[in-house]
PDB file of N, CA and C in Angstrom:
ATOM      1  N   ASN A   1     -38.487   0.731 -51.036  1.00  0.00           N
ATOM      2  CA  ASN A   1     -38.198  -0.095 -52.208  1.00  0.00           C
ATOM      3  C   ASN A   1     -39.496  -0.683 -52.748  1.00  0.00           C
ATOM      4  N   PHE A   2     -39.584  -0.715 -54.043  1.00  0.00           N
ATOM      5  CA  PHE A   2     -40.799  -1.190 -54.684  1.00  0.00           C
ATOM      6  C   PHE A   2     -40.461  -2.429 -55.514  1.00  0.00           C
ATOM      7  N   LEU A   3     -41.360  -3.380 -55.485  1.00  0.00           N
ATOM      8  CA  LEU A   3     -41.193  -4.572 -56.292  1.00  0.00           C
ATOM      9  C   LEU A   3     -42.460  -4.771 -57.096  1.00  0.00           C
ATOM     10  N   VAL A   4     -42.327  -4.650 -58.374  1.00  0.00           N
ATOM     11  CA  VAL A   4     -43.450  -4.904 -59.265  1.00  0.00           C
ATOM     12  C   VAL A   4     -43.195  -6.272 -59.872  1.00  0.00           C
ATOM     13  N   GLU A   5     -44.073  -7.216 -59.559  1.00  0.00           N
ATOM     14  CA  GLU A   5     -43.881  -8.589 -59.999  1.00  0.00           C
ATOM     15  C   GLU A   5     -43.769  -8.699 -61.519  1.00  0.00           C
ATOM     16  N   ARG A   6     -44.725  -8.088 -62.184  1.00  0.00           N
ATOM     17  CA  ARG A   6     -44.716  -8.216 -63.637  1.00  0.00           C
ATOM     18  C   ARG A   6     -45.474  -7.057 -64.255  1.00  0.00           C
ATOM     19  N   GLU A   7     -44.847  -6.425 -65.188  1.00  0.00           N
ATOM     20  CA  GLU A   7     -45.514  -5.368 -65.937  1.00  0.00           C
ATOM     21  C   GLU A   7     -44.903  -5.352 -67.325  1.00  0.00           C
ATOM     22  N   ASN A   8     -45.735  -5.362 -68.309  1.00  0.00           N
ATOM     23  CA  ASN A   8     -45.276  -5.349 -69.697  1.00  0.00           C
ATOM     24  C   ASN A   8     -45.720  -4.075 -70.379  1.00  0.00           C
ATOM     25  N   GLU A   9     -44.862  -3.604 -71.232  1.00  0.00           N
ATOM     26  CA  GLU A   9     -45.214  -2.449 -72.044  1.00  0.00           C
ATOM     27  C   GLU A   9     -44.551  -2.656 -73.391  1.00  0.00           C
ATOM     28  N   GLU A  10     -45.294  -2.430 -74.422  1.00  0.00           N
ATOM     29  CA  GLU A  10     -44.759  -2.587 -75.766  1.00  0.00           C
ATOM     30  C   GLU A  10     -44.602  -1.228 -76.414  1.00  0.00           C
ATOM     31  N   LEU A  11     -43.446  -1.018 -76.985  1.00  0.00           N
ATOM     32  CA  LEU A  11     -43.177   0.210 -77.727  1.00  0.00           C
ATOM     33  C   LEU A  11     -42.765  -0.190 -79.134  1.00  0.00           C
ATOM     34  N   SER A  12     -43.531   0.249 -80.087  1.00  0.00           N
ATOM     35  CA  SER A  12     -43.203  -0.040 -81.480  1.00  0.00           C
ATOM     36  C   SER A  12     -42.357   1.100 -82.030  1.00  0.00           C
ATOM     37  N   TYR A  13     -41.259   0.744 -82.643  1.00  0.00           N
ATOM     38  CA  TYR A  13     -40.437   1.763 -83.277  1.00  0.00           C
ATOM     39  C   TYR A  13     -39.834   1.194 -84.558  1.00  0.00           C
ATOM     40  N   SER A  14     -39.475   2.114 -85.424  1.00  0.00           N
ATOM     41  CA  SER A  14     -38.858   1.703 -86.681  1.00  0.00           C
ATOM     42  C   SER A  14     -37.940   2.814 -87.163  1.00  0.00           C
ATOM     43  N   TYR A  15     -37.057   2.450 -88.067  1.00  0.00           N
ATOM     44  CA  TYR A  15     -36.171   3.417 -88.717  1.00  0.00           C
ATOM     45  C   TYR A  15     -36.694   3.633 -90.129  1.00  0.00           C
ATOM     46  N   GLU A  16     -36.980   4.878 -90.444  1.00  0.00           N
ATOM     47  CA  GLU A  16     -37.539   5.212 -91.751  1.00  0.00           C
ATOM     48  C   GLU A  16     -36.780   6.392 -92.346  1.00  0.00           C
ATOM     49  N   ASN A  17     -37.018   6.641 -93.614  1.00  0.00           N
ATOM     50  CA  ASN A  17     -36.446   7.815 -94.274  1.00  0.00           C
ATOM     51  C   ASN A  17     -37.392   9.009 -94.134  1.00  0.00           C
ATOM     52  N   LEU A  18     -37.923   9.181 -92.941  1.00  0.00           N
ATOM     53  CA  LEU A  18     -38.842  10.272 -92.617  1.00  0.00           C
ATOM     54  C   LEU A  18     -38.266  11.026 -91.426  1.00  0.00           C
ATOM     55  N   ASP A  19     -38.839  12.183 -91.133  1.00  0.00           N
ATOM     56  CA  ASP A  19     -38.455  12.869 -89.906  1.00  0.00           C
ATOM     57  C   ASP A  19     -38.901  12.030 -88.715  1.00  0.00           C
ATOM     58  N   SER A  20     -38.116  12.080 -87.628  1.00  0.00           N
ATOM     59  CA  SER A  20     -38.488  11.364 -86.415  1.00  0.00           C
ATOM     60  C   SER A  20     -39.818  11.898 -85.916  1.00  0.00           C
ATOM     61  N   GLN A  21     -40.691  10.968 -85.509  1.00  0.00           N
ATOM     62  CA  GLN A  21     -42.030  11.369 -85.089  1.00  0.00           C
ATOM     63  C   GLN A  21     -42.718  10.243 -84.336  1.00  0.00           C
ATOM     64  N   LEU A  22     -43.791  10.585 -83.709  1.00  0.00           N
ATOM     65  CA  LEU A  22     -44.683   9.615 -83.101  1.00  0.00           C
ATOM     66  C   LEU A  22     -45.919   9.593 -83.972  1.00  0.00           C
ATOM     67  N   ALA A  23     -46.155   8.474 -84.640  1.00  0.00           N
ATOM     68  CA  ALA A  23     -47.267   8.383 -85.585  1.00  0.00           C
ATOM     69  C   ALA A  23     -48.125   7.171 -85.264  1.00  0.00           C
ATOM     70  N   LYS A  24     -49.375   7.418 -84.869  1.00  0.00           N
ATOM     71  CA  LYS A  24     -50.338   6.353 -84.576  1.00  0.00           C
ATOM     72  C   LYS A  24     -49.790   5.342 -83.566  1.00  0.00           C
ATOM     73  N   GLY A  25     -49.112   5.841 -82.540  1.00  0.00           N
ATOM     74  CA  GLY A  25     -48.582   4.976 -81.495  1.00  0.00           C
ATOM     75  C   GLY A  25     -47.255   4.328 -81.825  1.00  0.00           C
ATOM     76  N   ASN A  26     -46.723   4.562 -83.006  1.00  0.00           N
ATOM     77  CA  ASN A  26     -45.427   4.017 -83.399  1.00  0.00           C
ATOM     78  C   ASN A  26     -44.380   5.118 -83.403  1.00  0.00           C
ATOM     79  N   ILE A  27     -43.219   4.794 -82.888  1.00  0.00           N
ATOM     80  CA  ILE A  27     -42.123   5.751 -82.870  1.00  0.00           C
ATOM     81  C   ILE A  27     -41.299   5.534 -84.136  1.00  0.00           C
ATOM     82  N   VAL A  28     -41.106   6.594 -84.889  1.00  0.00           N
ATOM     83  CA  VAL A  28     -40.322   6.536 -86.121  1.00  0.00           C
ATOM     84  C   VAL A  28     -39.053   7.351 -85.893  1.00  0.00           C
ATOM     85  N   LEU A  29     -37.915   6.701 -86.056  1.00  0.00           N
ATOM     86  CA  LEU A  29     -36.626   7.379 -85.945  1.00  0.00           C
ATOM     87  C   LEU A  29     -36.030   7.512 -87.337  1.00  0.00           C
ATOM     88  N   ARG A  30     -35.414   8.654 -87.585  1.00  0.00           N
ATOM     89  CA  ARG A  30     -34.831   8.900 -88.912  1.00  0.00           C
ATOM     90  C   ARG A  30     -33.676   7.947 -89.177  1.00  0.00           C
ATOM     91  N   LYS A  31     -33.720   7.326 -90.336  1.00  0.00           N
ATOM     92  CA  LYS A  31     -32.662   6.391 -90.717  1.00  0.00           C
ATOM     93  C   LYS A  31     -31.446   7.144 -91.273  1.00  0.00           C
ATOM     94  N   ASP A  32     -31.691   8.166 -92.057  1.00  0.00           N
ATOM     95  CA  ASP A  32     -30.616   8.847 -92.765  1.00  0.00           C
ATOM     96  C   ASP A  32     -30.193  10.153 -92.085  1.00  0.00           C
ATOM     97  N   ALA A  33     -30.426  10.280 -90.801  1.00  0.00           N
ATOM     98  CA  ALA A  33     -30.129  11.522 -90.099  1.00  0.00           C
ATOM     99  C   ALA A  33     -28.623  11.696 -89.893  1.00  0.00           C
ATOM    100  N   ASP A  34     -28.236  12.930 -89.723  1.00  0.00           N
ATOM    101  CA  ASP A  34     -26.877  13.257 -89.336  1.00  0.00           C
ATOM    102  C   ASP A  34     -26.534  12.454 -88.078  1.00  0.00           C
ATOM    103  N   GLN A  35     -25.294  12.013 -87.954  1.00  0.00           N
ATOM    104  CA  GLN A  35     -24.915  11.131 -86.845  1.00  0.00           C
ATOM    105  C   GLN A  35     -25.199  11.762 -85.477  1.00  0.00           C
ATOM    106  N   MET A  36     -24.914  13.052 -85.316  1.00  0.00           N
ATOM    107  CA  MET A  36     -25.155  13.712 -84.034  1.00  0.00           C
ATOM    108  C   MET A  36     -26.653  13.812 -83.751  1.00  0.00           C
ATOM    109  N   ILE A  37     -27.438  14.172 -84.748  1.00  0.00           N
ATOM    110  CA  ILE A  37     -28.891  14.260 -84.577  1.00  0.00           C
ATOM    111  C   ILE A  37     -29.455  12.881 -84.249  1.00  0.00           C
ATOM    112  N   SER A  38     -28.968  11.864 -84.933  1.00  0.00           N
ATOM    113  CA  SER A  38     -29.425  10.504 -84.688  1.00  0.00           C
ATOM    114  C   SER A  38     -29.141  10.091 -83.248  1.00  0.00           C
ATOM    115  N   ARG A  39     -27.968  10.412 -82.747  1.00  0.00           N
ATOM    116  CA  ARG A  39     -27.625  10.078 -81.354  1.00  0.00           C
ATOM    117  C   ARG A  39     -28.534  10.811 -80.373  1.00  0.00           C
ATOM    118  N   LEU A  40     -28.795  12.075 -80.650  1.00  0.00           N
ATOM    119  CA  LEU A  40     -29.668  12.844 -79.758  1.00  0.00           C
ATOM    120  C   LEU A  40     -31.090  12.295 -79.761  1.00  0.00           C
ATOM    121  N   GLU A  41     -31.573  11.898 -80.933  1.00  0.00           N
ATOM    122  CA  GLU A  41     -32.918  11.330 -81.013  1.00  0.00           C
ATOM    123  C   GLU A  41     -32.989   9.999 -80.270  1.00  0.00           C
ATOM    124  N   ARG A  42     -31.969   9.180 -80.397  1.00  0.00           N
ATOM    125  CA  ARG A  42     -31.950   7.899 -79.680  1.00  0.00           C
ATOM    126  C   ARG A  42     -31.838   8.122 -78.170  1.00  0.00           C
ATOM    127  N   LEU A  43     -31.080   9.142 -77.769  1.00  0.00           N
ATOM    128  CA  LEU A  43     -30.973   9.489 -76.354  1.00  0.00           C
ATOM    129  C   LEU A  43     -32.339   9.909 -75.811  1.00  0.00           C
ATOM    130  N   ALA A  44     -33.057  10.719 -76.559  1.00  0.00           N
ATOM    131  CA  ALA A  44     -34.396  11.144 -76.141  1.00  0.00           C
ATOM    132  C   ALA A  44     -35.334   9.935 -76.027  1.00  0.00           C
ATOM    133  N   PHE A  45     -35.229   9.025 -76.967  1.00  0.00           N
ATOM    134  CA  PHE A  45     -36.051   7.816 -76.959  1.00  0.00           C
ATOM    135  C   PHE A  45     -35.742   6.956 -75.729  1.00  0.00           C
ATOM    136  N   SER A  46     -34.460   6.749 -75.433  1.00  0.00           N
ATOM    137  CA  SER A  46     -34.105   5.932 -74.277  1.00  0.00           C
ATOM    138  C   SER A  46     -34.484   6.631 -72.968  1.00  0.00           C
ATOM    139  N   ASN A  47     -34.388   7.956 -72.930  1.00  0.00           N
ATOM    140  CA  ASN A  47     -34.796   8.695 -71.744  1.00  0.00           C
ATOM    141  C   ASN A  47     -36.300   8.531 -71.502  1.00  0.00           C
ATOM    142  N   ALA A  48     -37.077   8.554 -72.561  1.00  0.00           N
ATOM    143  CA  ALA A  48     -38.525   8.359 -72.431  1.00  0.00           C
ATOM    144  C   ALA A  48     -38.834   6.966 -71.886  1.00  0.00           C
ATOM    145  N   MET A  49     -38.088   5.971 -72.322  1.00  0.00           N
ATOM    146  CA  MET A  49     -38.299   4.609 -71.819  1.00  0.00           C
ATOM    147  C   MET A  49     -37.958   4.531 -70.333  1.00  0.00           C
ATOM    148  N   ALA A  50     -36.872   5.172 -69.915  1.00  0.00           N
ATOM    149  CA  ALA A  50     -36.490   5.171 -68.506  1.00  0.00           C
ATOM    150  C   ALA A  50     -37.534   5.884 -67.652  1.00  0.00           C
ATOM    151  N   LEU A  51     -38.064   6.988 -68.150  1.00  0.00           N
ATOM    152  CA  LEU A  51     -39.100   7.708 -67.410  1.00  0.00           C
ATOM    153  C   LEU A  51     -40.377   6.884 -67.301  1.00  0.00           C
ATOM    154  N   SER A  52     -40.641   6.061 -68.289  1.00  0.00           N
ATOM    155  CA  SER A  52     -41.805   5.185 -68.239  1.00  0.00           C
ATOM    156  C   SER A  52     -41.671   4.191 -67.083  1.00  0.00           C
ATOM    157  N   VAL A  53     -40.472   3.681 -66.875  1.00  0.00           N
ATOM    158  CA  VAL A  53     -40.224   2.758 -65.763  1.00  0.00           C
ATOM    159  C   VAL A  53     -40.405   3.480 -64.432  1.00  0.00           C
ATOM    160  N   LYS A  54     -39.862   4.690 -64.334  1.00  0.00           N
ATOM    161  CA  LYS A  54     -40.028   5.473 -63.103  1.00  0.00           C
ATOM    162  C   LYS A  54     -41.499   5.720 -62.813  1.00  0.00           C
ATOM    163  N   LEU A  55     -42.246   6.075 -63.838  1.00  0.00           N
ATOM    164  CA  LEU A  55     -43.674   6.331 -63.666  1.00  0.00           C
ATOM    165  C   LEU A  55     -44.385   5.086 -63.155  1.00  0.00           C
ATOM    166  N   ALA A  56     -44.025   3.929 -63.671  1.00  0.00           N
ATOM    167  CA  ALA A  56     -44.647   2.681 -63.219  1.00  0.00           C
ATOM    168  C   ALA A  56     -44.346   2.443 -61.738  1.00  0.00           C
ATOM    169  N   MET A  57     -43.140   2.754 -61.312  1.00  0.00           N
ATOM    170  CA  MET A  57     -42.789   2.587 -59.896  1.00  0.00           C
ATOM    171  C   MET A  57     -43.607   3.525 -59.014  1.00  0.00           C
ATOM    172  N   TRP A  58     -43.762   4.779 -59.448  1.00  0.00           N
ATOM    173  CA  TRP A  58     -44.537   5.743 -58.669  1.00  0.00           C
ATOM    174  C   TRP A  58     -46.008   5.344 -58.614  1.00  0.00           C
ATOM    175  N   GLU A  59     -46.532   4.864 -59.731  1.00  0.00           N
ATOM    176  CA  GLU A  59     -47.921   4.414 -59.754  1.00  0.00           C
ATOM    177  C   GLU A  59     -48.127   3.262 -58.771  1.00  0.00           C
ATOM    178  N   TYR A  60     -47.185   2.334 -58.750  1.00  0.00           N
ATOM    179  CA  TYR A  60     -47.275   1.199 -57.838  1.00  0.00           C
ATOM    180  C   TYR A  60     -47.233   1.670 -56.388  1.00  0.00           C
ATOM    181  N   ALA A  61     -46.303   2.585 -56.069  1.00  0.00           N
ATOM    182  CA  ALA A  61     -46.186   3.093 -54.705  1.00  0.00           C
ATOM    183  C   ALA A  61     -47.455   3.816 -54.275  1.00  0.00           C
ATOM    184  N   LEU A  62     -48.014   4.607 -55.164  1.00  0.00           N
ATOM    185  CA  LEU A  62     -49.246   5.335 -54.845  1.00  0.00           C
ATOM    186  C   LEU A  62     -50.416   4.371 -54.673  1.00  0.00           C
ATOM    187  N   ASP A  63     -50.497   3.350 -55.517  1.00  0.00           N
ATOM    188  CA  ASP A  63     -51.548   2.339 -55.371  1.00  0.00           C
ATOM    189  C   ASP A  63     -51.453   1.632 -54.017  1.00  0.00           C
ATOM    190  N   GLU A  64     -50.231   1.298 -53.613  1.00  0.00           N
ATOM    191  CA  GLU A  64     -50.021   0.650 -52.319  1.00  0.00           C
ATOM    192  C   GLU A  64     -50.461   1.568 -51.180  1.00  0.00           C
ATOM    193  N   PHE A  65     -50.120   2.847 -51.276  1.00  0.00           N
ATOM    194  CA  PHE A  65     -50.501   3.808 -50.244  1.00  0.00           C
ATOM    195  C   PHE A  65     -52.020   3.924 -50.153  1.00  0.00           C
ATOM    196  N   ILE A  66     -52.660   4.092 -51.290  1.00  0.00           N
ATOM    197  CA  ILE A  66     -54.123   4.241 -51.313  1.00  0.00           C
ATOM    198  C   ILE A  66     -54.794   2.986 -50.771  1.00  0.00           C
ATOM    199  N   GLU A  67     -54.264   1.836 -51.137  1.00  0.00           N
ATOM    200  CA  GLU A  67     -54.834   0.578 -50.657  1.00  0.00           C
ATOM    201  C   GLU A  67     -54.728   0.471 -49.130  1.00  0.00           C
ATOM    202  N   SER A  68     -53.657   1.013 -48.554  1.00  0.00           N
ATOM    203  CA  SER A  68     -53.451   0.909 -47.110  1.00  0.00           C
ATOM    204  C   SER A  68     -54.407   1.801 -46.316  1.00  0.00           C
ATOM    205  N   ILE A  69     -55.005   2.803 -46.967  1.00  0.00           N
ATOM    206  CA  ILE A  69     -55.916   3.706 -46.241  1.00  0.00           C
ATOM    207  C   ILE A  69     -57.319   3.748 -46.831  1.00  0.00           C
ATOM    208  N   GLN A  70     -57.621   2.859 -47.758  1.00  0.00           N
ATOM    209  CA  GLN A  70     -58.907   2.935 -48.448  1.00  0.00           C
ATOM    210  C   GLN A  70     -60.097   2.731 -47.517  1.00  0.00           C
ATOM    211  N   TRP A  71     -59.905   2.093 -46.421  1.00  0.00           N
ATOM    212  CA  TRP A  71     -61.004   1.848 -45.486  1.00  0.00           C
ATOM    213  C   TRP A  71     -61.377   3.108 -44.693  1.00  0.00           C
ATOM    214  N   VAL A  72     -60.465   4.071 -44.585  1.00  0.00           N
ATOM    215  CA  VAL A  72     -60.704   5.260 -43.756  1.00  0.00           C
ATOM    216  C   VAL A  72     -61.869   6.104 -44.280  1.00  0.00           C
ATOM    217  N   PRO A  73     -61.890   6.516 -45.550  1.00  0.00           N
ATOM    218  CA  PRO A  73     -63.020   7.338 -46.018  1.00  0.00           C
ATOM    219  C   PRO A  73     -64.373   6.634 -45.881  1.00  0.00           C
ATOM    220  N   GLN A  74     -64.378   5.334 -46.145  1.00  0.00           N
ATOM    221  CA  GLN A  74     -65.640   4.589 -46.033  1.00  0.00           C
ATOM    222  C   GLN A  74     -66.126   4.570 -44.592  1.00  0.00           C
ATOM    223  N   SER A  75     -65.215   4.365 -43.644  1.00  0.00           N
ATOM    224  CA  SER A  75     -65.586   4.364 -42.226  1.00  0.00           C
ATOM    225  C   SER A  75     -66.133   5.722 -41.802  1.00  0.00           C
ATOM    226  N   LEU A  76     -65.459   6.782 -42.235  1.00  0.00           N
ATOM    227  CA  LEU A  76     -65.921   8.128 -41.888  1.00  0.00           C
ATOM    228  C   LEU A  76     -67.279   8.421 -42.508  1.00  0.00           C
ATOM    229  N   LYS A  77     -67.479   7.969 -43.739  1.00  0.00           N
ATOM    230  CA  LYS A  77     -68.747   8.172 -44.432  1.00  0.00           C
ATOM    231  C   LYS A  77     -69.898   7.489 -43.690  1.00  0.00           C
ATOM    232  N   GLU A  78     -69.598   6.330 -43.127  1.00  0.00           N
ATOM    233  CA  GLU A  78     -70.612   5.572 -42.402  1.00  0.00           C
ATOM    234  C   GLU A  78     -70.766   6.045 -40.959  1.00  0.00           C
ATOM    235  N   GLY A  79     -70.011   7.078 -40.583  1.00  0.00           N
ATOM    236  CA  GLY A  79     -70.122   7.638 -39.235  1.00  0.00           C
ATOM    237  C   GLY A  79     -69.397   6.843 -38.173  1.00  0.00           C
ATOM    238  N   GLN A  80     -68.537   5.942 -38.593  1.00  0.00           N
ATOM    239  CA  GLN A  80     -67.780   5.132 -37.635  1.00  0.00           C
ATOM    240  C   GLN A  80     -66.498   5.856 -37.243  1.00  0.00           C
ATOM    241  N   LEU A  81     -66.076   5.605 -36.034  1.00  0.00           N
ATOM    242  CA  LEU A  81     -64.797   6.147 -35.590  1.00  0.00           C
ATOM    243  C   LEU A  81     -63.672   5.307 -36.183  1.00  0.00           C
ATOM    244  N   THR A  82     -62.625   5.967 -36.621  1.00  0.00           N
ATOM    245  CA  THR A  82     -61.474   5.225 -37.134  1.00  0.00           C
ATOM    246  C   THR A  82     -60.523   4.942 -35.984  1.00  0.00           C
ATOM    247  N   LYS A  83     -59.782   3.904 -36.126  1.00  0.00           N
ATOM    248  CA  LYS A  83     -58.831   3.533 -35.083  1.00  0.00           C
ATOM    249  C   LYS A  83     -57.431   3.997 -35.449  1.00  0.00           C
ATOM    250  N   PHE A  84     -57.362   5.095 -36.156  1.00  0.00           N
ATOM    251  CA  PHE A  84     -56.064   5.678 -36.513  1.00  0.00           C
ATOM    252  C   PHE A  84     -55.576   6.512 -35.338  1.00  0.00           C
ATOM    253  N   ARG A  85     -54.403   6.215 -34.882  1.00  0.00           N
ATOM    254  CA  ARG A  85     -53.801   7.029 -33.832  1.00  0.00           C
ATOM    255  C   ARG A  85     -53.051   8.170 -34.495  1.00  0.00           C
ATOM    256  N   ARG A  86     -52.719   9.146 -33.717  1.00  0.00           N
ATOM    257  CA  ARG A  86     -51.967  10.297 -34.218  1.00  0.00           C
ATOM    258  C   ARG A  86     -50.662   9.836 -34.870  1.00  0.00           C
ATOM    259  N   LYS A  87     -50.004   8.881 -34.251  1.00  0.00           N
ATOM    260  CA  LYS A  87     -48.760   8.328 -34.784  1.00  0.00           C
ATOM    261  C   LYS A  87     -48.976   7.735 -36.178  1.00  0.00           C
ATOM    262  N   ASP A  88     -50.086   7.018 -36.358  1.00  0.00           N
ATOM    263  CA  ASP A  88     -50.396   6.410 -37.658  1.00  0.00           C
ATOM    264  C   ASP A  88     -50.643   7.472 -38.726  1.00  0.00           C
ATOM    265  N   VAL A  89     -51.381   8.512 -38.351  1.00  0.00           N
ATOM    266  CA  VAL A  89     -51.671   9.599 -39.292  1.00  0.00           C
ATOM    267  C   VAL A  89     -50.379  10.288 -39.710  1.00  0.00           C
ATOM    268  N   LEU A  90     -49.511  10.567 -38.742  1.00  0.00           N
ATOM    269  CA  LEU A  90     -48.229  11.209 -39.066  1.00  0.00           C
ATOM    270  C   LEU A  90     -47.369  10.315 -39.956  1.00  0.00           C
ATOM    271  N   GLN A  91     -47.391   9.019 -39.689  1.00  0.00           N
ATOM    272  CA  GLN A  91     -46.617   8.083 -40.511  1.00  0.00           C
ATOM    273  C   GLN A  91     -47.132   8.062 -41.950  1.00  0.00           C
ATOM    274  N   LYS A  92     -48.453   7.983 -42.117  1.00  0.00           N
ATOM    275  CA  LYS A  92     -49.036   7.982 -43.468  1.00  0.00           C
ATOM    276  C   LYS A  92     -48.762   9.304 -44.179  1.00  0.00           C
ATOM    277  N   THR A  93     -48.819  10.409 -43.438  1.00  0.00           N
ATOM    278  CA  THR A  93     -48.508  11.712 -44.022  1.00  0.00           C
ATOM    279  C   THR A  93     -47.057  11.745 -44.479  1.00  0.00           C
ATOM    280  N   GLY A  94     -46.162  11.208 -43.677  1.00  0.00           N
ATOM    281  CA  GLY A  94     -44.745  11.146 -44.043  1.00  0.00           C
ATOM    282  C   GLY A  94     -44.509  10.322 -45.297  1.00  0.00           C
ATOM    283  N   ILE A  95     -45.202   9.206 -45.412  1.00  0.00           N
ATOM    284  CA  ILE A  95     -45.074   8.357 -46.604  1.00  0.00           C
ATOM    285  C   ILE A  95     -45.541   9.120 -47.837  1.00  0.00           C
ATOM    286  N   LEU A  96     -46.661   9.810 -47.704  1.00  0.00           N
ATOM    287  CA  LEU A  96     -47.199  10.568 -48.838  1.00  0.00           C
ATOM    288  C   LEU A  96     -46.273  11.724 -49.229  1.00  0.00           C
ATOM    289  N   VAL A  97     -45.736  12.440 -48.256  1.00  0.00           N
ATOM    290  CA  VAL A  97     -44.816  13.548 -48.545  1.00  0.00           C
ATOM    291  C   VAL A  97     -43.533  13.020 -49.193  1.00  0.00           C
ATOM    292  N   ALA A  98     -43.030  11.883 -48.723  1.00  0.00           N
ATOM    293  CA  ALA A  98     -41.827  11.290 -49.317  1.00  0.00           C
ATOM    294  C   ALA A  98     -42.076  10.883 -50.768  1.00  0.00           C
ATOM    295  N   LEU A  99     -43.235  10.315 -51.043  1.00  0.00           N
ATOM    296  CA  LEU A  99     -43.585   9.936 -52.413  1.00  0.00           C
ATOM    297  C   LEU A  99     -43.684  11.176 -53.299  1.00  0.00           C
ATOM    298  N   ARG A 100     -44.314  12.199 -52.771  1.00  0.00           N
ATOM    299  CA  ARG A 100     -44.426  13.462 -53.538  1.00  0.00           C
ATOM    300  C   ARG A 100     -43.036  14.022 -53.844  1.00  0.00           C
ATOM    301  N   HIS A 101     -42.144  13.942 -52.876  1.00  0.00           N
ATOM    302  CA  HIS A 101     -40.782  14.439 -53.070  1.00  0.00           C
ATOM    303  C   HIS A 101     -40.070  13.636 -54.170  1.00  0.00           C
ATOM    304  N   GLU A 102     -40.224  12.317 -54.149  1.00  0.00           N
ATOM    305  CA  GLU A 102     -39.611  11.474 -55.185  1.00  0.00           C
ATOM    306  C   GLU A 102     -40.126  11.834 -56.570  1.00  0.00           C
ATOM    307  N   ILE A 103     -41.415  12.071 -56.665  1.00  0.00           N
ATOM    308  CA  ILE A 103     -42.011  12.385 -57.955  1.00  0.00           C
ATOM    309  C   ILE A 103     -41.509  13.736 -58.468  1.00  0.00           C
ATOM    310  N   ASN A 104     -41.307  14.691 -57.564  1.00  0.00           N
ATOM    311  CA  ASN A 104     -40.854  16.018 -57.959  1.00  0.00           C
ATOM    312  C   ASN A 104     -39.389  16.068 -58.363  1.00  0.00           C
ATOM    313  N   LEU A 105     -38.619  15.041 -58.022  1.00  0.00           N
ATOM    314  CA  LEU A 105     -37.197  15.051 -58.403  1.00  0.00           C
ATOM    315  C   LEU A 105     -37.068  14.811 -59.835  1.00  0.00           C
TER     316      LEU A 105
END
């Protein structure tokens, strides 16, 4: 489980008499579109927002993982022995494989 204390993202969107598009960072949805097309475009927009949240969760999980092992490469670079036991390495590998699996779903 991941807990992100605070993260903000702003998405600008508007309804215009233009084709739906992404223009200069603003999302434009067609105002006068056929009802079915309009629903599909809004569905695509909401799906993109949901995927943005998922991406933020994965980024947080990966940051946490990297932070937990960041000392290892530096220790190896300096020629120091690491105090990682085989059990620890397998556990970290399992965490990384599980994260990769979540991302691939």
